[in-house]
Protein backbone atom coordinates (compact mmCIF):
# COMPACT_ATOMS: atom_id res chain seq x y z
CA MET A 1 -62.03 -12.36 23.38
CA PRO A 2 -60.01 -14.18 20.40
CA SER A 3 -59.36 -12.11 17.11
CA ARG A 4 -61.77 -14.10 14.75
CA GLU A 5 -58.98 -13.34 12.17
CA SER A 6 -56.28 -15.93 13.52
CA ILE A 7 -54.90 -17.06 10.60
CA ALA A 8 -51.85 -14.69 9.07
CA GLY A 9 -52.90 -13.21 5.77
CA ASP A 10 -49.97 -15.37 3.82
CA SER A 11 -51.22 -18.60 4.97
CA ALA A 12 -54.82 -17.84 4.21
CA PHE A 13 -53.85 -16.55 0.87
CA LEU A 14 -51.64 -20.09 -0.14
CA LEU A 15 -54.84 -21.58 1.18
CA VAL A 16 -57.38 -20.01 -0.91
CA ARG A 17 -54.37 -20.69 -3.87
CA ARG A 18 -54.83 -24.32 -3.53
CA LEU A 19 -58.62 -23.87 -4.31
CA SER A 20 -57.80 -21.79 -7.66
CA GLY A 21 -57.91 -25.22 -9.95
CA LEU A 22 -61.68 -25.24 -8.77
CA ASN A 23 -64.75 -24.49 -11.23
CA TYR A 24 -65.95 -20.77 -10.31
CA PHE A 25 -62.78 -19.45 -8.80
CA PRO A 26 -62.67 -15.94 -8.53
CA LYS A 27 -60.92 -14.04 -11.59
CA ASP A 28 -60.78 -10.67 -9.84
CA ASP A 29 -58.34 -9.82 -6.86
CA GLU A 30 -61.39 -8.12 -5.02
CA ALA A 31 -63.16 -11.72 -4.76
CA VAL A 32 -59.78 -13.34 -3.91
CA ALA A 33 -59.38 -10.77 -1.06
CA MET A 34 -63.38 -11.95 0.15
CA LEU A 35 -62.11 -15.69 -0.09
CA ILE A 36 -58.92 -15.09 2.23
CA LYS A 37 -60.63 -12.89 4.62
CA ALA A 38 -63.20 -15.89 5.00
CA MET A 39 -60.42 -18.44 5.48
CA GLN A 40 -58.82 -15.90 8.50
CA SER A 41 -62.11 -16.93 10.25
CA ALA A 42 -60.84 -20.38 10.86
CA PRO A 43 -60.02 -20.85 14.80
CA SER A 44 -56.59 -22.63 13.24
CA MET A 45 -54.71 -23.32 10.91
CA GLU A 46 -55.12 -26.84 11.20
CA ALA A 47 -58.71 -26.32 10.74
CA ALA A 48 -58.39 -24.11 7.89
CA GLU A 49 -56.01 -26.51 5.99
CA ALA A 50 -58.62 -29.64 6.81
CA PHE A 51 -61.71 -27.28 5.36
CA VAL A 52 -59.71 -27.35 2.14
CA ALA A 53 -57.89 -30.64 2.23
CA GLY A 54 -61.73 -31.84 2.49
CA TRP A 55 -63.59 -29.39 -0.22
CA ILE A 56 -61.13 -30.00 -2.61
CA LYS A 57 -61.92 -33.97 -2.22
CA SER A 58 -65.43 -33.63 -2.31
CA GLU A 59 -66.47 -30.22 -4.36
CA HIS A 60 -65.77 -29.28 -8.03
CA ASP A 61 -66.62 -25.86 -7.67
CA CYS A 62 -64.92 -23.52 -5.43
CA PRO A 63 -66.40 -22.38 -2.22
CA LYS A 64 -68.01 -19.14 -1.91
CA PRO A 65 -67.23 -16.84 1.56
CA VAL A 66 -70.16 -17.49 3.39
CA ASP A 67 -69.22 -21.51 2.42
CA ILE A 68 -65.81 -20.85 4.55
CA TYR A 69 -67.38 -18.82 6.84
CA ASP A 70 -70.56 -21.15 7.98
CA HIS A 71 -68.26 -23.91 7.75
CA PHE A 72 -66.37 -22.12 10.75
CA ASN A 73 -69.07 -20.17 12.43
CA PRO A 74 -72.40 -21.65 11.55
CA ARG A 75 -75.48 -19.64 12.26
CA PRO A 76 -77.65 -21.70 14.75
CA GLY A 77 -81.60 -21.71 13.74
CA GLU A 78 -81.22 -20.36 10.27
CA TYR A 79 -82.21 -23.57 8.55
CA LEU A 80 -85.88 -22.73 7.83
CA GLY A 81 -86.74 -26.15 7.27
CA ALA A 82 -85.87 -27.43 10.45
CA PRO A 83 -89.24 -28.94 12.13
CA GLN A 84 -90.59 -26.94 15.45
CA ASN A 85 -92.81 -29.67 16.57
CA THR A 86 -91.02 -32.69 16.95
CA GLY A 87 -93.93 -34.62 18.60
CA CYS A 88 -96.30 -34.57 15.64
CA PRO A 89 -97.91 -38.63 15.53
CA LEU A 90 -98.34 -37.98 11.75
CA CYS A 91 -94.73 -36.92 10.99
CA GLY A 92 -92.59 -37.55 14.10
CA GLY A 93 -91.35 -34.03 13.71
CA SER A 94 -89.80 -34.28 10.37
CA GLY A 95 -92.58 -32.14 8.43
CA TRP A 96 -93.65 -34.83 5.96
CA ARG A 97 -95.53 -37.58 5.65
CA ILE A 98 -95.80 -40.71 3.64
CA VAL A 99 -98.98 -40.55 1.38
CA GLU A 100 -99.91 -43.33 -1.29
CA ARG A 101 -102.06 -42.72 -4.18
CA LYS A 102 -103.11 -45.42 -6.50
CA GLY A 103 -100.46 -47.57 -5.19
CA ILE A 104 -97.62 -45.17 -5.37
CA SER A 105 -96.14 -43.45 -2.52
CA GLY A 106 -94.70 -40.01 -1.65
CA ALA A 107 -94.40 -37.35 0.51
CA LYS A 108 -96.49 -34.65 1.65
CA ARG A 109 -95.79 -31.27 4.07
CA CYS A 110 -97.16 -32.20 7.18
CA GLY A 111 -99.99 -29.98 8.09
CA CYS A 112 -98.14 -29.32 11.84
CA ILE A 113 -95.67 -27.67 9.79
CA VAL A 114 -98.10 -25.52 7.08
CA ALA A 115 -99.52 -24.25 10.54
CA GLN A 116 -96.74 -22.96 12.01
CA ALA A 117 -95.71 -21.08 8.63
CA GLY A 118 -98.95 -19.62 8.29
């Protein structure tokens, strides 16, 4: 099984340093070390570089280690809002149904999701 830390520490440090201009970049060494360790979880240097470049283009705040880990190793099934019943005739499995009151439409949690949560 390949190591999860496939990127050298020096390379990960340089990538993390590119994030230092973003809001909430950590000021203490321990927090920076956690970002470096998370960056080392990337499957390749190319993937890590693409992550950093994409993050800088789209975000104002520095990623947290969990953002980096989740990007490279998504945790399936952890999104609790994901509908379990895709065959519901009222919501089509989205968990939300359209309701109208006094000419104004909105969304309401569907009973199929409420029943599953209970």
